[in-house]
Structures are given as C-alpha cells and as structure tokens.
Amino acid sequence: MNHGMKTPFTVLGAIAVLTTALALNAAEPMKKPDLTKLPPAAAKKDATYTKDIRPIFEKTCFKCHGPEKQKGGMRLDSLEAALKGGEDGKMIEPGKFDKSPLLWSVARLDPDAAMPPEGKADPLTKEQVSLIRAWIEQGAK
C-alpha cells in the first residue's frame, strides 16, 4: 500500500524545482537596455547627492526606498546606502552610467524595471534623469 507516500515526494520535488527556478532568476543580472534612449547628461558640473539628487529621490523614491521601507533591500535616503545597492546588487556604478541600473530604471528604459512603478509616484522628468546621469558620470559624490 502507498498510503499517500507519493504526495510528499511530489510536493518536495515541486518545491525543489520552484526554488531552483527562483534562485536562477534572482541570480540573473538586469538586462542592459538600449542606452541610446537615455537623455544626455545635464550640463551641471559638480552635481552632489545632497544638493541635487537626494531631493529627487525624496520626492519620488523614499516611500518605497527610504528610512521606513526598503523594497528589494534598496535604500536611497543616504549616499552610502544608495551606493551599496540592494538585493539585486549594486545599482549605481560611480563614473559609469552604462553600468548603473538605477539610471536605466528611473529613465524607464525597461517597462518591467521602471521606477517609480506606475501609480506609485510620477515618473522622473527628462531633466531629472539627465541630472542623475550627470551625477553618476561625475563619480556619484
């Protein structure tokens, strides 16, 4: 008699397959979008996190990535936290806009990774994205 012994193994097998699939998906880096669609860097020189970037993040990002809540482990309310990244790794590579997924997300180059998500806050303006790009290109200081 089987007495239902097949069920635990089937469930355990399904859990193993699902866990493996999730791990593989989580380990997959964010696909680089078409960066030619990014606006050029703003002409502003010496852009800083405190003076130029934090106010943008505070208005649009802190609700989900601030001191009270950190979706995906990403926190943007301090320069150190922003540079550290989150569960998906580093999101800002100082000096390298082409290796900074946060820029691609706020520029909404990939609808699946667009930030802020639809309905959570207004999308960043072209000028704000240009300023964030300039800040990153200047070393994210």
N, C-alpha and C. Protein backbone atom coordinates (compact mmCIF):
# COMPACT_ATOMS: atom_id res chain seq x y z
N MET A 1 0.83 -1.19 0.00
CA MET A 1 0.00 0.00 0.00
C MET A 1 0.87 1.26 0.00
N ASN A 2 0.42 2.26 -0.69
CA ASN A 2 1.18 3.50 -0.86
C ASN A 2 0.95 4.46 0.31
N HIS A 3 -0.24 4.53 0.83
CA HIS A 3 -0.63 5.42 1.94
C HIS A 3 -0.23 6.87 1.72
N GLY A 4 -0.32 7.31 0.47
CA GLY A 4 -0.07 8.72 0.17
C GLY A 4 1.41 9.11 0.18
N MET A 5 2.32 8.18 0.17
CA MET A 5 3.74 8.50 0.21
C MET A 5 4.20 9.25 -1.04
N LYS A 6 3.45 9.12 -2.12
CA LYS A 6 3.83 9.80 -3.35
C LYS A 6 3.67 11.32 -3.20
N THR A 7 2.67 11.75 -2.47
CA THR A 7 2.39 13.17 -2.34
C THR A 7 3.54 13.97 -1.75
N PRO A 8 4.13 13.55 -0.62
CA PRO A 8 5.24 14.34 -0.09
C PRO A 8 6.39 14.46 -1.08
N PHE A 9 6.71 13.39 -1.79
CA PHE A 9 7.81 13.45 -2.74
C PHE A 9 7.45 14.35 -3.92
N THR A 10 6.21 14.33 -4.34
CA THR A 10 5.77 15.20 -5.43
C THR A 10 5.84 16.66 -4.98
N VAL A 11 5.37 16.94 -3.79
CA VAL A 11 5.41 18.29 -3.26
C VAL A 11 6.86 18.75 -3.08
N LEU A 12 7.68 17.87 -2.51
CA LEU A 12 9.09 18.23 -2.31
C LEU A 12 9.78 18.44 -3.65
N GLY A 13 9.46 17.63 -4.63
CA GLY A 13 10.04 17.79 -5.96
C GLY A 13 9.63 19.13 -6.57
N ALA A 14 8.36 19.47 -6.43
CA ALA A 14 7.86 20.74 -6.97
C ALA A 14 8.53 21.91 -6.26
N ILE A 15 8.70 21.81 -4.96
CA ILE A 15 9.36 22.87 -4.20
C ILE A 15 10.81 23.02 -4.66
N ALA A 16 11.49 21.90 -4.88
CA ALA A 16 12.89 21.96 -5.33
C ALA A 16 12.99 22.62 -6.70
N VAL A 17 12.09 22.28 -7.61
CA VAL A 17 12.10 22.88 -8.94
C VAL A 17 11.83 24.38 -8.85
N LEU A 18 10.84 24.76 -8.07
CA LEU A 18 10.48 26.17 -7.90
C LEU A 18 11.63 26.95 -7.26
N THR A 19 12.23 26.39 -6.22
CA THR A 19 13.35 27.05 -5.55
C THR A 19 14.52 27.26 -6.51
N THR A 20 14.83 26.24 -7.30
CA THR A 20 15.91 26.35 -8.27
C THR A 20 15.59 27.42 -9.30
N ALA A 21 14.36 27.44 -9.80
CA ALA A 21 13.97 28.44 -10.79
C ALA A 21 14.07 29.85 -10.22
N LEU A 22 13.62 30.04 -8.99
CA LEU A 22 13.69 31.35 -8.35
C LEU A 22 15.14 31.77 -8.14
N ALA A 23 15.97 30.84 -7.72
CA ALA A 23 17.38 31.17 -7.49
C ALA A 23 18.07 31.56 -8.79
N LEU A 24 17.78 30.84 -9.85
CA LEU A 24 18.38 31.16 -11.14
C LEU A 24 17.90 32.52 -11.63
N ASN A 25 16.63 32.80 -11.45
CA ASN A 25 16.07 34.08 -11.88
C ASN A 25 16.66 35.23 -11.06
N ALA A 26 16.80 35.04 -9.74
CA ALA A 26 17.35 36.09 -8.88
C ALA A 26 18.81 36.35 -9.19
N ALA A 27 19.53 35.31 -9.62
CA ALA A 27 20.95 35.46 -9.90
C ALA A 27 21.20 36.12 -11.25
N GLU A 28 20.16 36.18 -12.08
CA GLU A 28 20.31 36.77 -13.40
C GLU A 28 20.42 38.28 -13.29
N PRO A 29 21.51 38.86 -13.80
CA PRO A 29 21.64 40.32 -13.70
C PRO A 29 20.63 41.03 -14.59
N MET A 30 20.36 42.28 -14.24
CA MET A 30 19.42 43.06 -15.02
C MET A 30 19.96 43.22 -16.44
N LYS A 31 19.11 42.94 -17.40
CA LYS A 31 19.50 43.04 -18.80
C LYS A 31 19.71 44.51 -19.17
N LYS A 32 20.83 44.78 -19.85
CA LYS A 32 21.13 46.16 -20.23
C LYS A 32 20.20 46.59 -21.36
N PRO A 33 19.44 47.67 -21.14
CA PRO A 33 18.53 48.16 -22.18
C PRO A 33 19.28 48.98 -23.23
N ASP A 34 18.55 49.50 -24.18
CA ASP A 34 19.12 50.34 -25.22
C ASP A 34 19.47 51.70 -24.61
N LEU A 35 20.75 51.90 -24.32
CA LEU A 35 21.18 53.12 -23.63
C LEU A 35 21.18 54.35 -24.53
N THR A 36 20.99 54.16 -25.82
CA THR A 36 20.90 55.32 -26.71
C THR A 36 19.61 56.10 -26.45
N LYS A 37 18.67 55.49 -25.74
CA LYS A 37 17.41 56.16 -25.42
C LYS A 37 17.51 57.04 -24.17
N LEU A 38 18.65 56.99 -23.49
CA LEU A 38 18.85 57.86 -22.32
C LEU A 38 19.03 59.30 -22.76
N PRO A 39 18.50 60.23 -21.99
CA PRO A 39 18.80 61.63 -22.31
C PRO A 39 20.27 61.90 -21.98
N PRO A 40 20.87 62.89 -22.63
CA PRO A 40 22.27 63.22 -22.33
C PRO A 40 22.40 63.73 -20.89
N ALA A 41 23.61 63.68 -20.37
CA ALA A 41 23.87 64.19 -19.03
C ALA A 41 23.61 65.69 -18.99
N ALA A 42 23.07 66.15 -17.89
CA ALA A 42 22.85 67.59 -17.70
C ALA A 42 24.19 68.32 -17.73
N ALA A 43 24.15 69.58 -18.13
CA ALA A 43 25.36 70.38 -18.23
C ALA A 43 25.91 70.78 -16.85
N LYS A 44 25.12 70.59 -15.80
CA LYS A 44 25.54 70.99 -14.45
C LYS A 44 26.82 70.28 -14.04
N LYS A 45 27.76 71.03 -13.57
CA LYS A 45 29.03 70.49 -13.08
C LYS A 45 28.96 70.36 -11.56
N ASP A 46 29.70 69.42 -11.02
CA ASP A 46 29.77 69.21 -9.57
C ASP A 46 28.43 68.88 -8.93
N ALA A 47 27.65 68.04 -9.59
CA ALA A 47 26.40 67.59 -9.01
C ALA A 47 26.71 66.73 -7.78
N THR A 48 25.95 66.93 -6.71
CA THR A 48 26.16 66.14 -5.49
C THR A 48 24.86 65.46 -5.08
N TYR A 49 25.03 64.39 -4.34
CA TYR A 49 23.87 63.66 -3.83
C TYR A 49 23.02 64.58 -2.96
N THR A 50 23.64 65.21 -1.98
CA THR A 50 22.91 66.01 -1.00
C THR A 50 22.15 67.17 -1.64
N LYS A 51 22.81 67.91 -2.49
CA LYS A 51 22.22 69.13 -3.06
C LYS A 51 21.28 68.84 -4.23
N ASP A 52 21.64 67.88 -5.09
CA ASP A 52 20.91 67.71 -6.35
C ASP A 52 20.08 66.43 -6.45
N ILE A 53 20.59 65.32 -5.95
CA ILE A 53 19.96 64.03 -6.19
C ILE A 53 18.99 63.62 -5.07
N ARG A 54 19.38 63.83 -3.82
CA ARG A 54 18.52 63.44 -2.71
C ARG A 54 17.13 64.07 -2.81
N PRO A 55 17.01 65.36 -3.17
CA PRO A 55 15.66 65.93 -3.29
C PRO A 55 14.79 65.20 -4.33
N ILE A 56 15.39 64.73 -5.40
CA ILE A 56 14.63 63.97 -6.41
C ILE A 56 14.18 62.65 -5.80
N PHE A 57 15.12 61.93 -5.17
CA PHE A 57 14.79 60.64 -4.56
C PHE A 57 13.76 60.81 -3.45
N GLU A 58 13.90 61.88 -2.66
CA GLU A 58 12.98 62.11 -1.55
C GLU A 58 11.54 62.26 -2.05
N LYS A 59 11.38 62.97 -3.14
CA LYS A 59 10.05 63.22 -3.69
C LYS A 59 9.44 61.97 -4.34
N THR A 60 10.27 61.15 -4.98
CA THR A 60 9.73 60.06 -5.79
C THR A 60 10.06 58.65 -5.32
N CYS A 61 11.08 58.48 -4.48
CA CYS A 61 11.57 57.13 -4.18
C CYS A 61 11.48 56.72 -2.71
N PHE A 62 11.50 57.68 -1.79
CA PHE A 62 11.59 57.35 -0.37
C PHE A 62 10.42 56.53 0.15
N LYS A 63 9.26 56.65 -0.46
CA LYS A 63 8.10 55.90 0.02
C LYS A 63 8.39 54.40 0.03
N CYS A 64 9.15 53.93 -0.96
CA CYS A 64 9.48 52.50 -1.06
C CYS A 64 10.95 52.20 -0.79
N HIS A 65 11.81 53.21 -0.85
CA HIS A 65 13.25 53.00 -0.71
C HIS A 65 13.87 54.03 0.23
N GLY A 66 13.20 54.28 1.35
CA GLY A 66 13.67 55.28 2.30
C GLY A 66 13.92 54.70 3.66
N PRO A 67 13.88 55.54 4.69
CA PRO A 67 14.23 55.10 6.04
C PRO A 67 13.22 54.10 6.63
N GLU A 68 11.96 54.17 6.23
CA GLU A 68 10.94 53.31 6.82
C GLU A 68 10.72 52.01 6.06
N LYS A 69 11.01 52.00 4.78
CA LYS A 69 10.74 50.83 3.95
C LYS A 69 11.85 50.73 2.90
N GLN A 70 12.31 49.52 2.64
CA GLN A 70 13.36 49.31 1.65
C GLN A 70 13.01 48.13 0.75
N LYS A 71 12.16 48.36 -0.24
CA LYS A 71 11.79 47.29 -1.16
C LYS A 71 13.04 46.80 -1.87
N GLY A 72 13.16 45.50 -1.97
CA GLY A 72 14.31 44.90 -2.63
C GLY A 72 15.63 45.21 -1.94
N GLY A 73 15.54 45.63 -0.69
CA GLY A 73 16.74 45.95 0.07
C GLY A 73 17.43 47.23 -0.39
N MET A 74 16.76 47.98 -1.28
CA MET A 74 17.36 49.20 -1.82
C MET A 74 16.92 50.40 -1.01
N ARG A 75 17.91 51.17 -0.56
CA ARG A 75 17.65 52.36 0.23
C ARG A 75 18.32 53.55 -0.44
N LEU A 76 17.58 54.64 -0.61
CA LEU A 76 18.10 55.80 -1.34
C LEU A 76 18.16 57.08 -0.50
N ASP A 77 17.96 56.98 0.81
CA ASP A 77 17.94 58.18 1.63
C ASP A 77 19.32 58.59 2.15
N SER A 78 20.36 57.86 1.78
CA SER A 78 21.73 58.30 2.07
C SER A 78 22.62 57.88 0.91
N LEU A 79 23.67 58.61 0.71
CA LEU A 79 24.60 58.29 -0.37
C LEU A 79 25.20 56.91 -0.17
N GLU A 80 25.61 56.61 1.05
CA GLU A 80 26.23 55.32 1.34
C GLU A 80 25.29 54.16 1.01
N ALA A 81 24.03 54.29 1.41
CA ALA A 81 23.06 53.22 1.16
C ALA A 81 22.78 53.09 -0.34
N ALA A 82 22.65 54.22 -1.03
CA ALA A 82 22.38 54.18 -2.47
C ALA A 82 23.53 53.49 -3.21
N LEU A 83 24.76 53.77 -2.82
CA LEU A 83 25.91 53.16 -3.48
C LEU A 83 26.06 51.68 -3.12
N LYS A 84 25.57 51.30 -1.95
CA LYS A 84 25.65 49.90 -1.53
C LYS A 84 24.78 49.01 -2.41
N GLY A 85 23.60 49.50 -2.77
CA GLY A 85 22.69 48.70 -3.59
C GLY A 85 21.70 47.94 -2.75
N GLY A 86 21.13 46.89 -3.34
CA GLY A 86 20.11 46.11 -2.65
C GLY A 86 20.25 44.64 -2.96
N GLU A 87 19.14 43.95 -2.92
CA GLU A 87 19.14 42.51 -3.16
C GLU A 87 19.65 42.14 -4.55
N ASP A 88 19.49 43.03 -5.50
CA ASP A 88 19.95 42.77 -6.87
C ASP A 88 21.38 43.25 -7.10
N GLY A 89 22.07 43.65 -6.03
CA GLY A 89 23.45 44.10 -6.15
C GLY A 89 23.55 45.60 -6.28
N LYS A 90 24.72 46.05 -6.73
CA LYS A 90 24.95 47.48 -6.89
C LYS A 90 24.07 48.01 -8.01
N MET A 91 23.46 49.16 -7.76
CA MET A 91 22.60 49.78 -8.76
C MET A 91 23.20 51.05 -9.33
N ILE A 92 24.27 51.53 -8.70
CA ILE A 92 24.97 52.74 -9.16
C ILE A 92 26.46 52.41 -9.21
N GLU A 93 27.04 52.61 -10.36
CA GLU A 93 28.49 52.45 -10.52
C GLU A 93 29.06 53.84 -10.80
N PRO A 94 29.66 54.47 -9.77
CA PRO A 94 30.17 55.83 -9.96
C PRO A 94 31.07 55.94 -11.19
N GLY A 95 30.77 56.96 -12.00
CA GLY A 95 31.54 57.22 -13.21
C GLY A 95 31.07 56.43 -14.43
N LYS A 96 30.14 55.50 -14.24
CA LYS A 96 29.74 54.61 -15.34
C LYS A 96 28.22 54.50 -15.47
N PHE A 97 27.63 55.41 -16.22
CA PHE A 97 26.18 55.37 -16.40
C PHE A 97 25.75 54.09 -17.10
N ASP A 98 26.65 53.53 -17.92
CA ASP A 98 26.31 52.32 -18.67
C ASP A 98 26.35 51.06 -17.81
N LYS A 99 26.75 51.19 -16.55
CA LYS A 99 26.75 50.08 -15.60
C LYS A 99 25.96 50.42 -14.35
N SER A 100 24.98 51.33 -14.50
CA SER A 100 24.19 51.81 -13.37
C SER A 100 22.70 51.55 -13.60
N PRO A 101 22.21 50.37 -13.23
CA PRO A 101 20.81 50.02 -13.45
C PRO A 101 19.80 50.99 -12.84
N LEU A 102 20.17 51.69 -11.77
CA LEU A 102 19.23 52.66 -11.20
C LEU A 102 18.88 53.73 -12.24
N LEU A 103 19.86 54.18 -12.99
CA LEU A 103 19.62 55.19 -14.02
C LEU A 103 18.67 54.64 -15.08
N TRP A 104 18.88 53.42 -15.49
CA TRP A 104 18.03 52.82 -16.52
C TRP A 104 16.59 52.70 -16.02
N SER A 105 16.46 52.37 -14.72
CA SER A 105 15.12 52.22 -14.14
C SER A 105 14.38 53.54 -14.08
N VAL A 106 15.06 54.60 -13.59
CA VAL A 106 14.37 55.89 -13.46
C VAL A 106 14.13 56.52 -14.83
N ALA A 107 14.90 56.11 -15.84
CA ALA A 107 14.68 56.59 -17.20
C ALA A 107 13.58 55.78 -17.89
N ARG A 108 13.12 54.72 -17.23
CA ARG A 108 12.03 53.87 -17.71
C ARG A 108 12.37 53.22 -19.05
N LEU A 109 13.63 52.78 -19.20
CA LEU A 109 14.06 52.14 -20.44
C LEU A 109 13.49 50.74 -20.59
N ASP A 110 13.22 50.08 -19.47
CA ASP A 110 12.63 48.74 -19.47
C ASP A 110 11.33 48.82 -18.67
N PRO A 111 10.18 48.63 -19.33
CA PRO A 111 8.90 48.76 -18.62
C PRO A 111 8.79 47.83 -17.40
N ASP A 112 9.46 46.68 -17.43
CA ASP A 112 9.39 45.74 -16.30
C ASP A 112 10.20 46.21 -15.10
N ALA A 113 11.16 47.11 -15.32
CA ALA A 113 12.01 47.59 -14.23
C ALA A 113 11.86 49.09 -14.00
N ALA A 114 10.81 49.69 -14.57
CA ALA A 114 10.61 51.14 -14.48
C ALA A 114 10.36 51.57 -13.04
N MET A 115 11.05 52.64 -12.64
CA MET A 115 10.89 53.21 -11.32
C MET A 115 10.63 54.70 -11.45
N PRO A 116 9.76 55.26 -10.63
CA PRO A 116 8.87 54.53 -9.74
C PRO A 116 7.82 53.77 -10.55
N PRO A 117 7.31 52.67 -9.96
CA PRO A 117 6.29 51.90 -10.67
C PRO A 117 5.04 52.74 -10.95
N GLU A 118 4.35 52.37 -11.99
CA GLU A 118 3.11 53.05 -12.38
C GLU A 118 2.18 53.16 -11.18
N GLY A 119 1.69 54.36 -10.91
CA GLY A 119 0.75 54.58 -9.83
C GLY A 119 1.36 54.86 -8.47
N LYS A 120 2.67 54.70 -8.31
CA LYS A 120 3.32 54.92 -7.02
C LYS A 120 3.79 56.37 -6.86
N ALA A 121 4.25 56.95 -7.95
CA ALA A 121 4.70 58.35 -7.97
C ALA A 121 4.83 58.74 -9.43
N ASP A 122 4.94 60.03 -9.68
CA ASP A 122 5.12 60.49 -11.05
C ASP A 122 6.48 60.04 -11.57
N PRO A 123 6.54 59.66 -12.85
CA PRO A 123 7.84 59.33 -13.43
C PRO A 123 8.76 60.55 -13.37
N LEU A 124 10.06 60.30 -13.31
CA LEU A 124 11.01 61.39 -13.32
C LEU A 124 10.97 62.11 -14.66
N THR A 125 11.24 63.38 -14.64
CA THR A 125 11.28 64.16 -15.88
C THR A 125 12.60 63.88 -16.61
N LYS A 126 12.64 64.24 -17.85
CA LYS A 126 13.87 64.10 -18.64
C LYS A 126 15.00 64.88 -17.98
N GLU A 127 14.71 66.05 -17.43
CA GLU A 127 15.71 66.87 -16.77
C GLU A 127 16.25 66.19 -15.51
N GLN A 128 15.36 65.56 -14.74
CA GLN A 128 15.80 64.85 -13.53
C GLN A 128 16.70 63.66 -13.90
N VAL A 129 16.30 62.91 -14.92
CA VAL A 129 17.11 61.77 -15.37
C VAL A 129 18.47 62.26 -15.87
N SER A 130 18.48 63.37 -16.60
CA SER A 130 19.74 63.96 -17.09
C SER A 130 20.65 64.36 -15.94
N LEU A 131 20.06 64.89 -14.88
CA LEU A 131 20.84 65.30 -13.71
C LEU A 131 21.41 64.07 -12.99
N ILE A 132 20.61 63.03 -12.84
CA ILE A 132 21.09 61.80 -12.21
C ILE A 132 22.21 61.19 -13.06
N ARG A 133 22.07 61.23 -14.37
CA ARG A 133 23.13 60.72 -15.24
C ARG A 133 24.41 61.54 -15.06
N ALA A 134 24.29 62.85 -15.02
CA ALA A 134 25.47 63.71 -14.82
C ALA A 134 26.14 63.39 -13.49
N TRP A 135 25.33 63.24 -12.46
CA TRP A 135 25.85 62.91 -11.12
C TRP A 135 26.63 61.59 -11.14
N ILE A 136 26.07 60.59 -11.78
CA ILE A 136 26.75 59.29 -11.87
C ILE A 136 28.04 59.43 -12.67
N GLU A 137 27.97 60.11 -13.82
CA GLU A 137 29.16 60.28 -14.67
C GLU A 137 30.26 61.04 -13.93
N GLN A 138 29.87 61.95 -13.04
CA GLN A 138 30.84 62.75 -12.29
C GLN A 138 31.36 62.03 -11.05
N GLY A 139 30.99 60.77 -10.89
CA GLY A 139 31.51 59.98 -9.78
C GLY A 139 30.55 59.74 -8.64
N ALA A 140 29.29 60.14 -8.77
CA ALA A 140 28.26 59.91 -7.75
C ALA A 140 28.72 60.37 -6.37
N LYS A 141 29.09 61.64 -6.27
CA LYS A 141 29.57 62.21 -4.98
C LYS A 141 28.46 62.89 -4.22
